[in-house]
Amino acid sequence: MTLKMLKYHTSRLFWLCFLALMLVATAFAEWNESVLYSFQGGNSDGAVPVGGIVFDSKGNLYGATAEGGGQCPPLYCGTVFHLTPPAKNGDPWTETVLYVFKGVGPSSADGSNPGGGLVMDSSGNLYGTTAYGGTGNCVLLGTKVGCGTVYELSPPAEKGGNWTERILYNFQSGKDGYLPIGDLTFDAVGNLYGATVYGGGYGSCNSPYYQYCGTVFRLHPPKQKDGKWSERVLYSFKGGTAGKGGGDGAEPNGGLVLDSKGSIYGTTYYGGDESGECDGGDTGTGCGTAFMLSPPSKMCKPWTETTLHRFNVQEGATPAASVVLDEDGNLYGTVYAGGNQGSGGVFELTSPAGKSHVWTEKVLYLFEAAAGGAGPEAGLVIDGAGSIYGTTYYGSGDELQGSVFRLKAPHKSQGARSIDYLHGFVRAPDGLFPAAGLVLDGAGSLYSTTQEGGIGTSCGHGGCGTVFEVSP
């Protein structure tokens, strides 16, 4: 059973289409795709790369895998990896496993199963989350698995040395979080922000496997080197109540975005309670929300949560990733399902103008699986011209194994965006099922990971996942 299967313990369903919308014609662009690395899994390498990747100033690439690297019941433990670019064009990239997680055991209370990608500080330290592991007393499928951690990996003092891992925080569940998912986010003074899918002390989400409906948290760095980081739960989601409007969100996604005033923006996979749509079982009802958390005017006071939008089946439902903020303060994101043929879409939330406090939602595109893409699980990236890039988990014609797409910036006289499918993932040894956000470099090339595919043989016929590049 993979981390993806355990993530919510609920099925992600494609809903029937209730509303037909006019879509601009699909176009196919001829971009070049290269597999930079195929994971091998097992005890020696990672498998199922998760979350975003990050580059350093020398062009080295870093990321995490949810599995591989040894046994941490009920799953493999997961790894952090490093890819070095080739000295000559055409040569392969070189992978190094920087760290293998140890999980919960008689001699360890390490993290296990990274739940998101990495962020890097100015000193080259890497930060991420593990969905399980740590000192928390959380049990899954009869096994103590921990409640998740936030970790730091520091580079060696001398070239060729070992990286040093340090657990910055152990989640405990209850009023604290449980199962951190998604990438972390830095603010200008070095605080880390993230989300946990469960915990927080409110609502009933996915019982008996997990408790409560999730949190947004902040970790504050110590004043002295090697000191203790302090955690604060900024907001605990309450979920929805069937048949009652105006419900709160449930199961927030990581990869949060901060604006210049310190407000936090994100999405929840469930919650919102739109008349019983998108029933999440114990999570209550609701097709997900986009939210804003505003900092208090005085220290130690509560943060204020504002629900910016409640999604529904017709326009697209259950956002599985966070949002991106443009220079005008508008938000862009993806919804995994709902909409035309139940295949998800891309949305824009326009910030309020004048005295209005209401955000306006606009559906930019609704996917059709047969046309090239369906089920986007990752966030978006915007280039300098205003074009939007992303991935779909399914798609690419009838074989349904993922795509990379671009929504072109609209002409001034037109409101519609046309779509280009830059690459369709078809079969191994290519990657399959991309689920992480893209990284855009200065030359216009895109980088990310796929959760399956490649030439690894220890993960079954689907492969262990890849790192790929798509270039114009």
Protein backbone atom coordinates (compact mmCIF):
# COMPACT_ATOMS: atom_id res chain seq x y z
CA MET A 1 0.00 0.00 0.00
CA THR A 2 1.50 3.35 -1.03
CA LEU A 3 1.40 6.67 0.82
CA LYS A 4 -0.94 7.94 -1.87
CA MET A 5 -3.41 5.17 -1.04
CA LEU A 6 -3.18 5.92 2.67
CA LYS A 7 -3.36 9.68 2.29
CA TYR A 8 -7.06 10.07 2.89
CA HIS A 9 -8.48 6.54 3.13
CA THR A 10 -11.23 7.77 0.88
CA SER A 11 -11.77 7.27 -2.83
CA ARG A 12 -11.26 10.12 -5.19
CA LEU A 13 -14.30 9.82 -7.39
CA PHE A 14 -14.98 11.35 -10.75
CA TRP A 15 -18.46 12.89 -10.63
CA LEU A 16 -20.83 12.98 -13.56
CA CYS A 17 -21.10 16.15 -15.54
CA PHE A 18 -24.13 18.28 -14.64
CA LEU A 19 -23.26 21.38 -16.62
CA ALA A 20 -21.84 21.66 -20.14
CA LEU A 21 -19.40 24.54 -20.66
CA MET A 22 -17.88 25.78 -23.90
CA LEU A 23 -14.14 25.08 -24.02
CA VAL A 24 -11.49 26.43 -26.36
CA ALA A 25 -10.01 23.93 -28.76
CA THR A 26 -7.20 21.66 -27.60
CA ALA A 27 -3.78 22.07 -29.22
CA PHE A 28 -0.70 19.87 -28.98
CA ALA A 29 2.73 21.47 -28.78
CA GLU A 30 5.91 19.62 -29.65
CA TRP A 31 8.10 19.93 -26.57
CA ASN A 32 10.93 17.54 -25.72
CA GLU A 33 10.72 15.37 -22.62
CA SER A 34 13.73 13.72 -20.96
CA VAL A 35 13.79 11.36 -17.99
CA LEU A 36 16.64 12.65 -15.83
CA TYR A 37 16.47 9.76 -13.38
CA SER A 38 14.48 6.57 -12.80
CA PHE A 39 14.15 5.49 -9.17
CA GLN A 40 14.95 1.87 -8.32
CA GLY A 41 13.16 1.46 -4.99
CA GLY A 42 13.93 -1.34 -2.55
CA ASN A 43 16.40 -0.84 0.28
CA SER A 44 19.02 1.03 -1.74
CA ASP A 45 17.05 3.77 -3.51
CA GLY A 46 13.91 5.83 -3.19
CA ALA A 47 10.53 5.23 -4.81
CA VAL A 48 7.39 7.32 -5.37
CA PRO A 49 8.86 10.87 -5.40
CA VAL A 50 6.55 13.28 -3.60
CA GLY A 51 6.14 17.04 -3.49
CA GLY A 52 8.19 19.73 -5.14
CA ILE A 53 11.85 19.67 -6.15
CA VAL A 54 14.33 22.47 -5.54
CA PHE A 55 17.50 23.60 -7.34
CA ASP A 56 20.60 25.09 -5.76
CA SER A 57 22.73 27.82 -7.36
CA LYS A 58 24.92 25.22 -9.14
CA GLY A 59 22.01 23.49 -10.88
CA ASN A 60 21.85 20.50 -8.53
CA LEU A 61 18.38 19.17 -7.88
CA TYR A 62 16.96 17.93 -4.56
CA GLY A 63 13.78 16.10 -3.64
CA ALA A 64 12.15 13.43 -1.45
CA THR A 65 10.54 10.05 -2.02
CA ALA A 66 7.65 8.70 0.03
CA GLU A 67 8.90 5.11 -0.19
CA GLY A 68 12.08 3.12 -0.70
CA GLY A 69 15.17 3.00 1.49
CA GLY A 70 14.25 0.26 3.95
CA GLN A 71 11.25 -1.01 5.90
CA CYS A 72 9.11 1.18 8.19
CA PRO A 73 5.94 -0.88 8.75
CA PRO A 74 3.41 -0.66 7.22
CA LEU A 75 5.43 1.05 4.45
CA TYR A 76 8.96 1.65 3.27
CA CYS A 77 10.70 4.55 5.03
CA GLY A 78 11.41 7.05 2.25
CA THR A 79 14.49 9.06 1.27
CA VAL A 80 15.90 12.47 0.39
CA PHE A 81 17.86 12.51 -2.86
CA HIS A 82 20.25 14.71 -4.84
CA LEU A 83 20.68 14.82 -8.64
CA THR A 84 23.86 16.28 -10.14
CA PRO A 85 23.67 17.52 -13.75
CA PRO A 86 26.04 15.93 -16.29
CA ALA A 87 29.33 17.57 -17.22
CA LYS A 88 28.53 17.04 -20.92
CA ASN A 89 25.24 17.19 -22.78
CA GLY A 90 23.85 13.73 -23.37
CA ASP A 91 25.43 12.16 -20.29
CA PRO A 92 23.10 10.94 -17.48
CA TRP A 93 22.38 12.85 -14.30
CA THR A 94 23.93 11.31 -11.17
CA GLU A 95 21.72 10.46 -8.19
CA THR A 96 22.91 10.34 -4.58
CA VAL A 97 20.70 9.28 -1.66
CA LEU A 98 21.39 11.91 0.99
CA TYR A 99 19.31 10.38 3.75
CA VAL A 100 17.20 7.30 4.46
CA PHE A 101 14.54 7.71 7.13
CA LYS A 102 14.44 5.19 9.97
CA GLY A 103 10.87 5.49 11.21
CA VAL A 104 9.58 4.42 14.62
CA GLY A 105 11.43 1.54 16.22
CA PRO A 106 13.16 0.32 19.37
CA SER A 107 16.17 2.56 18.75
CA SER A 108 14.65 5.34 16.65
CA ALA A 109 11.96 7.99 16.64
CA ASP A 110 12.88 9.32 13.23
CA GLY A 111 10.42 10.43 10.58
CA SER A 112 9.14 8.13 7.84
CA ASN A 113 7.38 8.51 4.50
CA PRO A 114 7.98 12.13 3.44
CA GLY A 115 4.67 13.82 2.81
CA GLY A 116 5.96 16.71 0.73
CA GLY A 117 8.92 18.06 -1.16
CA LEU A 118 11.76 20.29 -0.01
CA VAL A 119 12.50 23.96 0.56
CA MET A 120 16.03 25.33 0.88
CA ASP A 121 17.39 28.23 2.94
CA SER A 122 20.23 30.58 2.01
CA SER A 123 22.80 28.29 3.70
CA GLY A 124 21.80 25.26 1.65
CA ASN A 125 19.87 23.49 4.42
CA LEU A 126 16.86 21.47 3.29
CA TYR A 127 13.51 21.33 5.11
CA GLY A 128 10.55 19.00 4.65
CA THR A 129 7.84 16.95 6.32
CA THR A 130 7.32 13.25 6.93
CA ALA A 131 3.72 12.05 7.02
CA TYR A 132 4.53 9.49 9.72
CA GLY A 133 7.25 8.78 12.26
CA GLY A 134 8.38 10.80 15.25
CA THR A 135 7.44 10.54 18.90
CA GLY A 136 3.68 10.99 18.51
CA ASN A 137 1.54 8.09 19.70
CA CYS A 138 -0.46 7.61 16.47
CA VAL A 139 -1.52 4.13 15.35
CA LEU A 140 -2.48 3.04 11.84
CA LEU A 141 -3.66 -0.44 10.87
CA GLY A 142 -2.68 -1.71 14.32
CA THR A 143 0.91 -0.40 14.11
CA LYS A 144 2.40 2.59 15.92
CA VAL A 145 3.54 4.82 13.08
CA GLY A 146 3.98 8.22 14.74
CA CYS A 147 2.10 11.40 13.85
CA GLY A 148 4.63 12.95 11.47
CA THR A 149 7.57 15.32 11.71
CA VAL A 150 9.26 18.41 10.30
CA TYR A 151 12.94 17.76 9.56
CA GLU A 152 16.08 19.62 8.51
CA LEU A 153 18.99 18.23 6.46
CA SER A 154 22.26 20.14 6.69
CA PRO A 155 25.06 19.78 4.11
CA PRO A 156 28.45 18.36 5.18
CA ALA A 157 31.23 20.70 6.27
CA GLU A 158 33.56 18.97 3.80
CA LYS A 159 32.83 17.78 0.28
CA GLY A 160 31.90 14.12 0.21
CA GLY A 161 30.78 13.99 3.83
CA ASN A 162 27.39 12.88 5.12
CA TRP A 163 24.41 15.18 5.43
CA THR A 164 23.05 15.63 8.95
CA GLU A 165 19.37 15.13 9.70
CA ARG A 166 17.61 16.82 12.61
CA ILE A 167 13.96 16.51 13.63
CA LEU A 168 12.68 20.03 14.29
CA TYR A 169 9.22 19.03 15.48
CA ASN A 170 7.24 15.88 16.31
CA PHE A 171 3.46 16.14 15.84
CA GLN A 172 1.30 14.63 18.60
CA SER A 173 -2.26 14.71 17.16
CA GLY A 174 -5.16 15.80 19.39
CA LYS A 175 -5.17 19.61 19.33
CA ASP A 176 -1.84 19.40 17.54
CA GLY A 177 -1.57 18.28 13.93
CA TYR A 178 -1.30 14.76 12.49
CA LEU A 179 -0.02 13.68 9.07
CA PRO A 180 1.67 16.77 7.59
CA ILE A 181 1.27 16.83 3.81
CA GLY A 182 2.72 19.12 1.15
CA ASP A 183 5.67 21.47 0.92
CA LEU A 184 6.67 23.91 3.64
CA THR A 185 6.81 27.68 3.12
CA PHE A 186 9.31 30.20 4.52
CA ASP A 187 8.45 33.75 5.51
CA ALA A 188 10.89 36.67 5.43
CA VAL A 189 12.18 36.09 8.97
CA GLY A 190 12.74 32.33 8.71
CA ASN A 191 9.49 30.91 10.10
CA LEU A 192 8.20 27.74 8.45
CA TYR A 193 4.51 27.24 7.62
CA GLY A 194 2.70 24.06 6.67
CA ALA A 195 -0.48 22.02 7.01
CA THR A 196 -1.54 18.71 8.51
CA VAL A 197 -4.40 16.75 6.98
CA TYR A 198 -5.70 15.64 10.38
CA GLY A 199 -5.45 16.68 14.02
CA GLY A 200 -6.44 20.03 15.46
CA GLY A 201 -9.11 18.89 17.91
CA TYR A 202 -12.20 19.74 15.83
CA GLY A 203 -14.56 17.84 13.57
CA SER A 204 -14.70 14.16 12.67
CA CYS A 205 -12.60 13.45 9.59
CA ASN A 206 -11.93 9.87 8.46
CA SER A 207 -12.43 8.13 11.79
CA PRO A 208 -11.29 5.56 12.90
CA TYR A 209 -8.11 5.84 10.83
CA TYR A 210 -7.52 9.50 11.67
CA GLN A 211 -9.02 12.08 14.01
CA TYR A 212 -10.11 15.68 13.41
CA CYS A 213 -10.01 17.85 10.30
CA GLY A 214 -6.54 19.32 10.04
CA THR A 215 -4.43 22.35 10.92
CA VAL A 216 -2.24 25.13 9.59
CA PHE A 217 0.91 25.47 11.72
CA ARG A 218 3.96 27.68 12.09
CA LEU A 219 7.43 26.72 13.31
CA HIS A 220 9.55 29.52 14.79
CA PRO A 221 13.35 29.09 14.65
CA PRO A 222 15.42 29.23 17.85
CA LYS A 223 17.44 32.30 18.78
CA GLN A 224 20.54 30.16 19.30
CA LYS A 225 22.00 27.62 16.89
CA ASP A 226 20.83 24.06 17.58
CA GLY A 227 18.12 25.40 19.89
CA LYS A 228 14.58 24.11 19.95
CA TRP A 229 12.06 25.23 17.32
CA SER A 230 8.65 26.21 18.69
CA GLU A 231 5.36 25.25 17.05
CA ARG A 232 2.05 27.07 17.06
CA VAL A 233 -1.20 25.85 15.52
CA LEU A 234 -2.53 28.93 13.73
CA TYR A 235 -5.88 27.43 12.80
CA SER A 236 -7.79 24.16 13.26
CA PHE A 237 -10.41 23.26 10.66
CA LYS A 238 -13.81 22.09 11.80
CA GLY A 239 -15.14 20.28 8.73
CA GLY A 240 -18.73 20.46 7.58
CA THR A 241 -22.12 19.34 8.83
CA ALA A 242 -24.34 17.57 6.33
CA GLY A 243 -27.29 19.68 5.22
CA LYS A 244 -26.00 22.93 6.68
CA GLY A 245 -24.49 25.68 4.56
CA GLY A 246 -21.42 27.73 5.35
CA GLY A 247 -19.26 24.87 6.56
CA ASP A 248 -15.57 25.16 7.33
CA GLY A 249 -12.84 23.42 5.34
CA ALA A 250 -11.45 19.97 6.06
CA GLU A 251 -8.12 18.29 5.22
CA PRO A 252 -5.96 21.29 4.20
CA ASN A 253 -3.23 20.96 1.58
CA GLY A 254 0.35 22.12 2.18
CA GLY A 255 2.33 24.45 -0.07
CA LEU A 256 0.82 27.54 1.53
CA VAL A 257 1.30 31.02 0.03
CA LEU A 258 2.02 34.21 2.01
CA ASP A 259 1.36 37.75 0.82
CA SER A 260 3.27 40.91 1.74
CA LYS A 261 1.02 41.51 4.78
CA GLY A 262 1.68 38.07 6.25
CA SER A 263 -1.70 36.58 5.33
CA ILE A 264 -1.70 32.88 4.41
CA TYR A 265 -3.61 31.36 1.48
CA GLY A 266 -4.40 27.73 0.81
CA THR A 267 -7.03 25.12 -0.01
CA THR A 268 -8.79 22.23 1.69
CA TYR A 269 -9.62 18.97 -0.09
CA TYR A 270 -13.01 18.58 1.58
CA GLY A 271 -15.27 20.81 3.66
CA GLY A 272 -17.37 23.80 2.71
CA ASP A 273 -20.61 21.82 2.95
CA GLU A 274 -22.24 22.65 -0.38
CA SER A 275 -25.64 20.98 0.09
CA GLY A 276 -24.26 17.49 0.60
CA GLU A 277 -22.11 17.42 -2.55
CA CYS A 278 -18.75 15.63 -2.51
CA ASP A 279 -19.67 13.53 0.50
CA GLY A 280 -16.46 12.61 2.29
CA GLY A 281 -17.97 10.12 4.72
CA ASP A 282 -16.67 10.94 8.17
CA THR A 283 -15.21 14.18 6.85
CA GLY A 284 -18.69 15.59 6.48
CA THR A 285 -19.70 17.10 3.19
CA GLY A 286 -18.28 19.72 0.91
CA CYS A 287 -16.19 19.91 -2.24
CA GLY A 288 -13.33 21.82 -0.66
CA THR A 289 -12.50 25.45 -0.03
CA ALA A 290 -9.98 28.19 -0.71
CA PHE A 291 -9.14 30.07 2.49
CA MET A 292 -7.16 32.97 3.90
CA LEU A 293 -5.66 33.23 7.38
CA SER A 294 -5.03 36.79 8.57
CA PRO A 295 -2.49 37.47 11.33
CA PRO A 296 -3.70 39.06 14.57
CA SER A 297 -3.08 42.72 15.33
CA LYS A 298 -1.57 41.72 18.69
CA MET A 299 0.79 38.87 19.48
CA CYS A 300 -0.65 35.62 20.86
CA LYS A 301 -4.16 36.49 19.67
CA PRO A 302 -5.97 34.06 17.31
CA TRP A 303 -5.52 34.20 13.56
CA THR A 304 -8.69 34.94 11.57
CA GLU A 305 -9.85 32.44 8.96
CA THR A 306 -11.85 33.61 5.94
CA THR A 307 -13.35 31.17 3.46
CA LEU A 308 -12.72 32.79 0.08
CA HIS A 309 -14.62 30.21 -1.96
CA ARG A 310 -16.56 26.95 -1.55
CA PHE A 311 -16.22 24.64 -4.53
CA ASN A 312 -19.00 22.55 -6.04
CA VAL A 313 -19.42 19.70 -8.51
CA GLN A 314 -20.40 21.87 -11.46
CA GLU A 315 -17.39 24.20 -11.51
CA GLY A 316 -14.81 21.75 -10.16
CA ALA A 317 -14.29 20.12 -6.79
CA THR A 318 -11.75 18.85 -4.24
CA PRO A 319 -8.58 20.92 -4.74
CA ALA A 320 -5.59 18.66 -3.99
CA ALA A 321 -2.91 21.38 -4.06
CA SER A 322 -2.41 24.92 -2.89
CA VAL A 323 -2.66 28.14 -4.88
CA VAL A 324 -0.25 30.54 -6.56
CA LEU A 325 -0.46 34.30 -6.07
CA ASP A 326 0.12 36.74 -8.96
CA GLU A 327 1.44 40.29 -8.67
CA ASP A 328 -2.12 41.69 -8.58
CA GLY A 329 -3.11 39.56 -5.61
CA ASN A 330 -5.19 37.05 -7.58
CA LEU A 331 -5.04 33.33 -6.79
CA TYR A 332 -4.78 30.44 -9.25
CA GLY A 333 -5.16 26.74 -8.54
CA THR A 334 -6.47 23.36 -9.63
CA VAL A 335 -9.39 21.15 -8.66
CA TYR A 336 -8.96 17.39 -8.92
CA ALA A 337 -12.50 16.44 -9.92
CA GLY A 338 -15.92 17.83 -10.77
CA GLY A 339 -16.71 20.04 -13.71
CA ASN A 340 -16.92 18.79 -17.26
CA GLN A 341 -16.86 14.96 -17.25
CA GLY A 342 -15.66 14.96 -13.64
CA SER A 343 -12.06 15.54 -14.74
CA GLY A 344 -11.23 18.67 -12.73
CA GLY A 345 -10.00 22.05 -13.90
CA VAL A 346 -8.07 25.26 -13.35
CA PHE A 347 -9.59 28.23 -11.51
CA GLU A 348 -8.83 31.87 -10.76
CA LEU A 349 -9.91 33.76 -7.64
CA THR A 350 -9.90 37.52 -8.15
CA SER A 351 -9.12 39.63 -5.10
CA PRO A 352 -11.79 42.10 -3.97
CA ALA A 353 -11.83 45.57 -5.54
CA GLY A 354 -12.85 48.78 -3.81
CA LYS A 355 -14.99 48.26 -0.72
CA SER A 356 -16.00 44.76 -1.70
CA HIS A 357 -14.81 41.87 0.48
CA VAL A 358 -16.02 39.17 -1.90
CA TRP A 359 -13.56 37.13 -3.96
CA THR A 360 -14.76 36.19 -7.44
CA GLU A 361 -14.14 32.71 -8.84
CA LYS A 362 -13.68 32.05 -12.56
CA VAL A 363 -13.23 28.66 -14.20
CA LEU A 364 -10.30 29.04 -16.61
CA TYR A 365 -10.40 25.52 -18.00
CA LEU A 366 -12.21 22.21 -17.44
CA PHE A 367 -10.34 19.06 -18.41
CA GLU A 368 -11.54 16.18 -20.58
CA ALA A 369 -9.63 12.93 -20.14
CA ALA A 370 -10.01 11.89 -23.76
CA ALA A 371 -8.63 15.24 -24.95
CA GLY A 372 -5.37 15.02 -23.01
CA GLY A 373 -5.67 15.51 -19.26
CA ALA A 374 -7.69 14.80 -16.12
CA GLY A 375 -7.35 14.94 -12.36
CA PRO A 376 -4.72 17.62 -11.64
CA GLU A 377 -3.15 16.93 -8.22
CA ALA A 378 -0.46 19.64 -8.23
CA GLY A 379 -0.30 23.41 -8.06
CA LEU A 380 0.58 25.79 -10.88
CA VAL A 381 3.45 27.98 -12.01
CA ILE A 382 3.07 31.24 -13.97
CA ASP A 383 5.70 32.64 -16.36
CA GLY A 384 6.51 36.29 -17.02
CA ALA A 385 4.04 36.45 -19.91
CA GLY A 386 1.15 35.23 -17.78
CA SER A 387 0.94 31.68 -19.16
CA ILE A 388 0.04 29.01 -16.61
CA TYR A 389 1.75 25.60 -16.44
CA GLY A 390 0.71 22.47 -14.57
CA THR A 391 0.29 18.70 -14.67
CA THR A 392 -2.61 16.27 -14.68
CA TYR A 393 -2.39 12.93 -12.89
CA TYR A 394 -4.36 11.17 -15.60
CA GLY A 395 -4.80 11.94 -19.25
CA SER A 396 -2.81 11.68 -22.48
CA GLY A 397 -5.47 10.27 -24.76
CA ASP A 398 -6.98 6.91 -23.88
CA GLU A 399 -4.02 5.65 -21.83
CA LEU A 400 -4.67 7.99 -18.92
CA GLN A 401 -1.21 8.27 -17.40
CA GLY A 402 -0.66 12.01 -17.07
CA SER A 403 0.25 15.17 -18.95
CA VAL A 404 2.07 18.50 -18.75
CA PHE A 405 -0.05 21.43 -19.94
CA ARG A 406 0.12 25.16 -20.58
CA LEU A 407 -2.77 27.60 -20.50
CA LYS A 408 -1.72 30.52 -22.67
CA ALA A 409 -2.23 34.04 -21.43
CA PRO A 410 -5.37 35.44 -23.05
CA HIS A 411 -5.20 38.16 -25.69
CA LYS A 412 -6.33 41.54 -24.35
CA SER A 413 -9.51 41.38 -26.42
CA GLN A 414 -10.35 37.80 -25.39
CA GLY A 415 -11.13 36.21 -22.05
CA ALA A 416 -10.60 32.57 -22.99
CA ARG A 417 -7.33 30.71 -22.54
CA SER A 418 -6.26 28.05 -25.02
CA ILE A 419 -4.51 24.91 -23.79
CA ASP A 420 -1.38 23.20 -25.09
CA TYR A 421 -0.50 19.71 -23.93
CA LEU A 422 3.29 19.90 -23.88
CA HIS A 423 3.82 16.23 -23.08
CA GLY A 424 1.69 13.13 -22.58
CA PHE A 425 2.99 10.35 -20.33
CA VAL A 426 2.20 7.11 -22.12
CA ARG A 427 4.16 4.11 -20.85
CA ALA A 428 7.36 3.08 -19.08
CA PRO A 429 10.29 3.70 -19.38
CA ASP A 430 8.73 7.17 -19.45
CA GLY A 431 7.34 8.51 -16.21
CA LEU A 432 3.70 7.93 -15.25
CA PHE A 433 1.27 9.86 -13.05
CA PRO A 434 2.81 13.27 -12.24
CA ALA A 435 1.52 14.63 -8.93
CA ALA A 436 3.99 17.39 -7.97
CA GLY A 437 4.26 21.02 -9.01
CA LEU A 438 6.54 22.13 -11.81
CA VAL A 439 9.73 24.20 -11.53
CA LEU A 440 10.33 26.68 -14.36
CA ASP A 441 13.94 27.66 -15.14
CA GLY A 442 15.27 30.75 -16.92
CA ALA A 443 15.35 28.99 -20.28
CA GLY A 444 11.68 28.06 -20.10
CA SER A 445 12.23 24.37 -19.28
CA LEU A 446 9.97 22.61 -16.77
CA TYR A 447 11.05 20.06 -14.15
CA SER A 448 9.11 17.77 -11.84
CA THR A 449 8.53 14.16 -10.84
CA THR A 450 6.20 11.26 -11.61
CA GLN A 451 5.07 8.81 -8.96
CA GLU A 452 5.38 5.76 -11.21
CA GLY A 453 7.10 4.79 -14.44
CA GLY A 454 10.78 4.65 -15.33
CA ILE A 455 12.99 1.57 -15.47
CA GLY A 456 12.93 0.58 -11.78
CA THR A 457 11.89 -3.05 -11.37
CA SER A 458 11.39 -3.45 -7.61
CA CYS A 459 8.06 -1.60 -7.59
CA GLY A 460 6.20 -3.87 -9.98
CA HIS A 461 5.41 -3.31 -13.63
CA GLY A 462 4.56 0.37 -13.11
CA GLY A 463 8.07 1.43 -12.16
CA CYS A 464 9.24 3.40 -9.10
CA GLY A 465 8.89 6.94 -10.46
CA THR A 466 11.06 9.49 -12.27
CA VAL A 467 12.44 13.00 -12.36
CA PHE A 468 11.79 14.59 -15.76
CA GLU A 469 12.46 17.71 -17.82
CA VAL A 470 10.18 19.12 -20.52
CA SER A 471 11.81 21.77 -22.71
CA PRO A 472 10.67 23.87 -25.70
